[in-house]
Amino acid sequence: QVQVVESGGGSVQAGGSLRLACAASGSTFRIVVANWYRQAPGNQREFVARINSNDDTNYADSVKGRIALSREHAQNTVFLQMNSLKPKNTAVYSCNAIVGGRLYWGRGTQVNVSS
């Protein structure tokens, strides 16, 4: 059974950095495409970043220049490096991934940024 699990969240001060991970397990198939989203309290979920099978990346305008996606094929994991974090970046960060032709969602990881 395929599982997608996020990790790496936590509490940081404004200006700090976090590296989130989105890992797929339970399949021999690699993550083809992965998307990151975030949802702050009282807000709708919003798109953050995407990486495709060619390792091409897309970022939301609100995060360009402060985040970067990468992947580690051996671990079947996609990483979201976030720098210069701001209090308004506090949210639950979730990823979904296409693995073996199907889309799977993780449960999310909490990021708290204090001023």
N, C-alpha and C. Protein backbone atom coordinates (compact mmCIF):
# COMPACT_ATOMS: atom_id res chain seq x y z
N GLN A 1 0.85 -1.18 0.00
CA GLN A 1 0.00 0.00 0.00
C GLN A 1 0.89 1.24 0.00
N VAL A 2 0.62 2.13 -0.93
CA VAL A 2 1.43 3.33 -1.06
C VAL A 2 1.06 4.32 0.02
N GLN A 3 2.08 4.90 0.62
CA GLN A 3 1.88 5.96 1.60
C GLN A 3 2.77 7.14 1.24
N VAL A 4 2.20 8.32 1.40
CA VAL A 4 2.96 9.55 1.24
C VAL A 4 2.97 10.24 2.59
N VAL A 5 4.14 10.55 3.07
CA VAL A 5 4.28 11.12 4.41
C VAL A 5 5.16 12.35 4.35
N GLU A 6 4.67 13.43 4.95
CA GLU A 6 5.46 14.65 5.06
C GLU A 6 6.19 14.67 6.41
N SER A 7 7.31 15.33 6.43
CA SER A 7 8.05 15.51 7.67
C SER A 7 8.89 16.77 7.56
N GLY A 8 9.45 17.16 8.69
CA GLY A 8 10.35 18.31 8.70
C GLY A 8 9.75 19.58 9.22
N GLY A 9 8.46 19.57 9.52
CA GLY A 9 7.84 20.77 10.07
C GLY A 9 8.33 21.05 11.47
N GLY A 10 7.96 22.19 11.98
CA GLY A 10 8.36 22.57 13.33
C GLY A 10 8.16 24.04 13.55
N SER A 11 8.79 24.54 14.61
CA SER A 11 8.67 25.94 14.98
C SER A 11 10.00 26.65 14.76
N VAL A 12 9.94 27.77 14.08
CA VAL A 12 11.13 28.57 13.83
C VAL A 12 10.78 30.04 14.02
N GLN A 13 11.81 30.84 14.19
CA GLN A 13 11.60 32.28 14.26
C GLN A 13 11.63 32.86 12.85
N ALA A 14 11.03 34.02 12.71
CA ALA A 14 11.04 34.70 11.42
C ALA A 14 12.47 34.85 10.92
N GLY A 15 12.62 34.58 9.64
CA GLY A 15 13.94 34.62 9.04
C GLY A 15 14.63 33.27 9.00
N GLY A 16 14.06 32.31 9.70
CA GLY A 16 14.66 30.98 9.77
C GLY A 16 14.32 30.14 8.55
N SER A 17 14.81 28.91 8.59
CA SER A 17 14.65 27.98 7.47
C SER A 17 14.13 26.63 7.96
N LEU A 18 13.46 25.96 7.08
CA LEU A 18 13.04 24.58 7.32
C LEU A 18 13.15 23.81 6.01
N ARG A 19 13.40 22.54 6.14
CA ARG A 19 13.43 21.65 4.98
C ARG A 19 12.38 20.57 5.18
N LEU A 20 11.33 20.63 4.39
CA LEU A 20 10.27 19.66 4.48
C LEU A 20 10.55 18.52 3.51
N ALA A 21 10.07 17.35 3.87
CA ALA A 21 10.23 16.18 3.02
C ALA A 21 8.89 15.54 2.72
N CYS A 22 8.76 15.03 1.53
CA CYS A 22 7.56 14.30 1.10
C CYS A 22 8.07 12.96 0.59
N ALA A 23 7.81 11.92 1.36
CA ALA A 23 8.36 10.60 1.04
C ALA A 23 7.27 9.62 0.67
N ALA A 24 7.50 8.85 -0.37
CA ALA A 24 6.57 7.81 -0.79
C ALA A 24 7.16 6.45 -0.46
N SER A 25 6.33 5.59 0.09
CA SER A 25 6.77 4.23 0.42
C SER A 25 5.69 3.24 0.00
N GLY A 26 6.08 1.97 -0.03
CA GLY A 26 5.12 0.92 -0.34
C GLY A 26 4.93 0.66 -1.81
N SER A 27 5.84 1.19 -2.62
CA SER A 27 5.72 0.99 -4.06
C SER A 27 7.12 0.91 -4.68
N THR A 28 7.20 0.18 -5.78
CA THR A 28 8.45 0.16 -6.53
C THR A 28 8.52 1.32 -7.51
N PHE A 29 7.43 2.04 -7.65
CA PHE A 29 7.37 3.17 -8.57
C PHE A 29 7.91 4.43 -7.90
N ARG A 30 8.55 5.27 -8.69
CA ARG A 30 9.09 6.53 -8.19
C ARG A 30 8.00 7.58 -8.17
N ILE A 31 8.22 8.61 -7.37
CA ILE A 31 7.37 9.79 -7.43
C ILE A 31 7.61 10.45 -8.79
N VAL A 32 6.55 10.59 -9.56
CA VAL A 32 6.67 11.22 -10.87
C VAL A 32 6.51 12.73 -10.74
N VAL A 33 5.43 13.11 -10.11
CA VAL A 33 5.13 14.53 -9.90
C VAL A 33 4.77 14.71 -8.43
N ALA A 34 5.23 15.78 -7.84
CA ALA A 34 4.85 16.09 -6.47
C ALA A 34 4.47 17.56 -6.38
N ASN A 35 3.43 17.83 -5.65
CA ASN A 35 2.95 19.19 -5.41
C ASN A 35 2.91 19.46 -3.92
N TRP A 36 3.28 20.65 -3.56
CA TRP A 36 3.17 21.09 -2.16
C TRP A 36 2.08 22.15 -2.08
N TYR A 37 1.29 22.05 -1.01
CA TYR A 37 0.25 23.02 -0.72
C TYR A 37 0.39 23.44 0.74
N ARG A 38 -0.25 24.52 1.10
CA ARG A 38 -0.30 24.91 2.50
C ARG A 38 -1.68 25.48 2.80
N GLN A 39 -2.06 25.32 4.05
CA GLN A 39 -3.32 25.86 4.50
C GLN A 39 -3.13 26.48 5.87
N ALA A 40 -3.30 27.79 5.91
CA ALA A 40 -3.21 28.52 7.17
C ALA A 40 -4.58 28.54 7.83
N PRO A 41 -4.61 28.71 9.13
CA PRO A 41 -5.91 28.73 9.84
C PRO A 41 -6.85 29.78 9.24
N GLY A 42 -8.06 29.33 8.93
CA GLY A 42 -9.07 30.22 8.39
C GLY A 42 -8.94 30.51 6.91
N ASN A 43 -7.92 29.94 6.29
CA ASN A 43 -7.70 30.19 4.87
C ASN A 43 -7.92 28.93 4.05
N GLN A 44 -8.09 29.13 2.76
CA GLN A 44 -8.17 27.98 1.86
C GLN A 44 -6.77 27.44 1.58
N ARG A 45 -6.74 26.20 1.19
CA ARG A 45 -5.47 25.59 0.81
C ARG A 45 -4.95 26.28 -0.45
N GLU A 46 -3.66 26.56 -0.47
CA GLU A 46 -3.07 27.21 -1.63
C GLU A 46 -1.86 26.45 -2.13
N PHE A 47 -1.66 26.54 -3.41
CA PHE A 47 -0.53 25.89 -4.07
C PHE A 47 0.77 26.60 -3.69
N VAL A 48 1.81 25.79 -3.46
CA VAL A 48 3.12 26.34 -3.12
C VAL A 48 4.15 26.04 -4.20
N ALA A 49 4.27 24.76 -4.57
CA ALA A 49 5.34 24.39 -5.50
C ALA A 49 5.06 23.04 -6.12
N ARG A 50 5.73 22.80 -7.26
CA ARG A 50 5.53 21.56 -8.01
C ARG A 50 6.83 21.17 -8.67
N ILE A 51 7.07 19.84 -8.69
CA ILE A 51 8.20 19.31 -9.43
C ILE A 51 7.69 18.17 -10.29
N ASN A 52 8.14 18.14 -11.55
CA ASN A 52 7.64 17.10 -12.43
C ASN A 52 8.71 16.05 -12.69
N SER A 53 8.42 15.15 -13.61
CA SER A 53 9.30 14.01 -13.87
C SER A 53 10.65 14.43 -14.45
N ASN A 54 10.70 15.62 -15.05
CA ASN A 54 11.96 16.13 -15.59
C ASN A 54 12.70 17.01 -14.59
N ASP A 55 12.17 17.05 -13.37
CA ASP A 55 12.71 17.92 -12.32
C ASP A 55 12.52 19.38 -12.65
N ASP A 56 11.58 19.68 -13.54
CA ASP A 56 11.18 21.07 -13.74
C ASP A 56 10.34 21.49 -12.55
N THR A 57 10.51 22.72 -12.14
CA THR A 57 9.80 23.19 -10.95
C THR A 57 8.96 24.43 -11.25
N ASN A 58 7.89 24.56 -10.50
CA ASN A 58 7.04 25.75 -10.54
C ASN A 58 6.78 26.19 -9.12
N TYR A 59 6.79 27.49 -8.91
CA TYR A 59 6.58 28.02 -7.57
C TYR A 59 5.50 29.09 -7.60
N ALA A 60 4.74 29.16 -6.51
CA ALA A 60 3.79 30.26 -6.37
C ALA A 60 4.56 31.57 -6.30
N ASP A 61 3.96 32.61 -6.84
CA ASP A 61 4.63 33.91 -6.85
C ASP A 61 4.99 34.36 -5.44
N SER A 62 4.16 34.00 -4.47
CA SER A 62 4.37 34.46 -3.10
C SER A 62 5.61 33.86 -2.45
N VAL A 63 6.14 32.79 -3.02
CA VAL A 63 7.29 32.12 -2.39
C VAL A 63 8.53 32.11 -3.27
N LYS A 64 8.42 32.60 -4.49
CA LYS A 64 9.57 32.58 -5.39
C LYS A 64 10.75 33.31 -4.77
N GLY A 65 11.90 32.71 -4.92
CA GLY A 65 13.12 33.28 -4.38
C GLY A 65 13.41 32.85 -2.95
N ARG A 66 12.45 32.26 -2.29
CA ARG A 66 12.66 31.85 -0.90
C ARG A 66 12.55 30.35 -0.70
N ILE A 67 12.09 29.63 -1.69
CA ILE A 67 11.97 28.19 -1.54
C ILE A 67 12.60 27.49 -2.74
N ALA A 68 12.91 26.21 -2.55
CA ALA A 68 13.48 25.41 -3.64
C ALA A 68 13.09 23.96 -3.45
N LEU A 69 12.72 23.35 -4.56
CA LEU A 69 12.38 21.93 -4.56
C LEU A 69 13.56 21.11 -5.06
N SER A 70 13.70 19.92 -4.50
CA SER A 70 14.69 18.97 -4.99
C SER A 70 14.16 17.57 -4.71
N ARG A 71 14.81 16.59 -5.27
CA ARG A 71 14.38 15.23 -4.99
C ARG A 71 15.58 14.32 -4.81
N GLU A 72 15.36 13.26 -4.06
CA GLU A 72 16.35 12.23 -3.85
C GLU A 72 15.71 10.93 -4.32
N HIS A 73 16.15 10.47 -5.47
CA HIS A 73 15.50 9.30 -6.09
C HIS A 73 15.66 8.05 -5.23
N ALA A 74 16.82 7.87 -4.64
CA ALA A 74 17.07 6.66 -3.87
C ALA A 74 16.12 6.55 -2.68
N GLN A 75 15.73 7.71 -2.14
CA GLN A 75 14.81 7.73 -1.01
C GLN A 75 13.37 7.92 -1.44
N ASN A 76 13.16 8.10 -2.75
CA ASN A 76 11.82 8.38 -3.27
C ASN A 76 11.19 9.53 -2.49
N THR A 77 11.94 10.59 -2.37
CA THR A 77 11.55 11.72 -1.54
C THR A 77 11.75 13.03 -2.29
N VAL A 78 10.82 13.93 -2.09
CA VAL A 78 10.93 15.29 -2.61
C VAL A 78 11.09 16.23 -1.43
N PHE A 79 12.04 17.17 -1.54
CA PHE A 79 12.33 18.10 -0.47
C PHE A 79 11.89 19.51 -0.84
N LEU A 80 11.37 20.21 0.15
CA LEU A 80 10.99 21.62 -0.01
C LEU A 80 11.82 22.43 0.97
N GLN A 81 12.81 23.13 0.45
CA GLN A 81 13.65 23.98 1.29
C GLN A 81 13.02 25.36 1.36
N MET A 82 12.74 25.81 2.57
CA MET A 82 12.10 27.12 2.76
C MET A 82 13.02 28.02 3.57
N ASN A 83 13.32 29.16 3.04
CA ASN A 83 14.21 30.11 3.68
C ASN A 83 13.48 31.43 3.95
N SER A 84 14.07 32.23 4.81
CA SER A 84 13.51 33.56 5.11
C SER A 84 12.03 33.46 5.45
N LEU A 85 11.71 32.53 6.33
CA LEU A 85 10.32 32.31 6.68
C LEU A 85 9.72 33.50 7.41
N LYS A 86 8.43 33.70 7.20
CA LYS A 86 7.71 34.80 7.81
C LYS A 86 6.55 34.24 8.64
N PRO A 87 6.09 35.00 9.63
CA PRO A 87 4.96 34.51 10.43
C PRO A 87 3.74 34.13 9.59
N LYS A 88 3.52 34.85 8.49
CA LYS A 88 2.37 34.52 7.65
C LYS A 88 2.53 33.20 6.90
N ASN A 89 3.72 32.63 6.96
CA ASN A 89 3.94 31.31 6.36
C ASN A 89 3.49 30.18 7.27
N THR A 90 3.05 30.50 8.48
CA THR A 90 2.54 29.48 9.40
C THR A 90 1.34 28.78 8.76
N ALA A 91 1.42 27.46 8.68
CA ALA A 91 0.38 26.69 8.01
C ALA A 91 0.68 25.21 8.15
N VAL A 92 -0.29 24.41 7.74
CA VAL A 92 -0.04 22.99 7.55
C VAL A 92 0.38 22.81 6.09
N TYR A 93 1.54 22.23 5.90
CA TYR A 93 2.08 22.01 4.57
C TYR A 93 1.85 20.54 4.19
N SER A 94 1.20 20.35 3.05
CA SER A 94 0.87 19.01 2.59
C SER A 94 1.43 18.79 1.20
N CYS A 95 1.69 17.54 0.91
CA CYS A 95 2.11 17.23 -0.45
C CYS A 95 1.20 16.15 -1.03
N ASN A 96 1.10 16.15 -2.33
CA ASN A 96 0.53 15.02 -3.03
C ASN A 96 1.53 14.56 -4.08
N ALA A 97 1.45 13.31 -4.41
CA ALA A 97 2.43 12.76 -5.33
C ALA A 97 1.77 11.72 -6.24
N ILE A 98 2.20 11.74 -7.50
CA ILE A 98 1.76 10.72 -8.43
C ILE A 98 2.78 9.59 -8.39
N VAL A 99 2.29 8.43 -7.98
CA VAL A 99 3.13 7.25 -7.85
C VAL A 99 2.41 6.10 -8.54
N GLY A 100 3.06 5.47 -9.50
CA GLY A 100 2.43 4.37 -10.20
C GLY A 100 1.13 4.76 -10.89
N GLY A 101 1.05 6.00 -11.33
CA GLY A 101 -0.13 6.45 -12.06
C GLY A 101 -1.29 6.91 -11.20
N ARG A 102 -1.13 6.89 -9.90
CA ARG A 102 -2.19 7.32 -9.01
C ARG A 102 -1.71 8.46 -8.13
N LEU A 103 -2.67 9.27 -7.69
CA LEU A 103 -2.36 10.42 -6.86
C LEU A 103 -2.60 10.08 -5.40
N TYR A 104 -1.61 10.38 -4.58
CA TYR A 104 -1.71 10.13 -3.14
C TYR A 104 -1.42 11.42 -2.38
N TRP A 105 -2.15 11.58 -1.27
CA TRP A 105 -1.96 12.74 -0.41
C TRP A 105 -1.35 12.31 0.92
N GLY A 106 -0.50 13.14 1.43
CA GLY A 106 -0.04 12.97 2.79
C GLY A 106 -0.96 13.71 3.75
N ARG A 107 -0.67 13.58 5.05
CA ARG A 107 -1.52 14.22 6.05
C ARG A 107 -1.06 15.62 6.42
N GLY A 108 0.14 15.96 6.02
CA GLY A 108 0.63 17.30 6.28
C GLY A 108 1.58 17.38 7.46
N THR A 109 2.31 18.47 7.49
CA THR A 109 3.23 18.75 8.59
C THR A 109 3.08 20.21 8.96
N GLN A 110 3.04 20.49 10.25
CA GLN A 110 2.78 21.83 10.74
C GLN A 110 4.06 22.67 10.75
N VAL A 111 3.95 23.87 10.21
CA VAL A 111 5.04 24.84 10.26
C VAL A 111 4.54 26.06 11.02
N ASN A 112 5.28 26.42 12.06
CA ASN A 112 4.95 27.60 12.87
C ASN A 112 6.11 28.58 12.82
N VAL A 113 5.83 29.79 12.40
CA VAL A 113 6.86 30.81 12.32
C VAL A 113 6.48 31.94 13.27
N SER A 114 7.35 32.20 14.23
CA SER A 114 7.06 33.24 15.22
C SER A 114 7.85 34.51 14.90
N SER A 115 7.30 35.62 15.33
CA SER A 115 7.96 36.91 15.05
C SER A 115 8.96 37.25 16.13
